[in-house]
């Protein structure tokens, strides 16, 4: 059995929730399958992350008899024995996004791909953005989609009712449009707000926008736009919520709007589909790739297009419920784990 060291440092506080979900669910699935031996490696806090990754991890390969290190992020131990598997989630600089687009991230996206034994991207769109689909690098690049599982599903748990969330978060009893985690600039909340403003100007605003996530400077800037557009009564910000409540709000919503300027996969799109709720996504890129024919595709630069997407969701959501959950059922963390195992078995 292959004994593999997995850099589990993204599970520490401060890392993006989406990346943490990927790491935790992938490791759980790998451990449950038992096809490879998972050795979780996490810094003890006495050393900085960079020095731990470049100093301690190579020593762990030697001392723990590991075949190599699997990194769920772009950085990995540069020197030392064993194989290196790198994960590249997205290339935001290709889309004019500044978050995670500094020289350090670009270095690992360029030099790391040439150093690693294998490179994983969660979507073909990300592989194309990074120039990994042709030439020598194509043979080392593996597109491995992420998965979805509980609590995201088409039905509420037997011991609960989704409707109680309306009272818990003081939400009106009318169609909801959910923007999960749209509290960072790259999430492009402004596109959804402009679409709502267009509907309001046209004489009808049939939905309540719900934006989840912590209070951030970017969210406060978006709330300023809410006020300028006259949408204050139509936007709710319940703050950070649990995954179980997020799944419930997804089931209650007519659609989940994910109009990010840059995404390498888009877990909320998949999670919405698993809950039987359509996702409104930009044309092209990873978000449309994940949503496939079941996504409502719009032009985020055109408020009319976004508004039409919202109306389409209201009109078609119930008829799409079964096909959405069936499409999402193809994406499992078990399948993600199996693909990771196959990458390592190909290196051994």
Foldseek 3Di string as FASTA:
>chain_A
DAEEEEELACCDPPHDPVLNVQSVLLVVLLVVVVPHHYDYDYDPPPDDPVCCQQPVQLVCCVVVVHQYYEYSALDGHQDHDHFYEGEHWAACVLLVDDVCNDPVSVCSLPVVLVRGQAYEFQDVQRCVSSVQCDDPNVVRYDHFHAADDPPQAQDAPPVDALVVVCVVQVHDPFAEEEAEPCQDVQQPVVLLLLLQLVQVVVPDRRYAYEYEEAHDPSVVVVVVVCVVSVNNVRYGYSYHDDPSNVSSVLLRHLEYERAGSIGRACVVQLSSLNNQHEYEYEPDGRSCVLCPPRHNYFHSVDSNRSNVSRVVSVVCSVVRRVVSNVSNVVGHSNSSNVVVVVSVVVVD
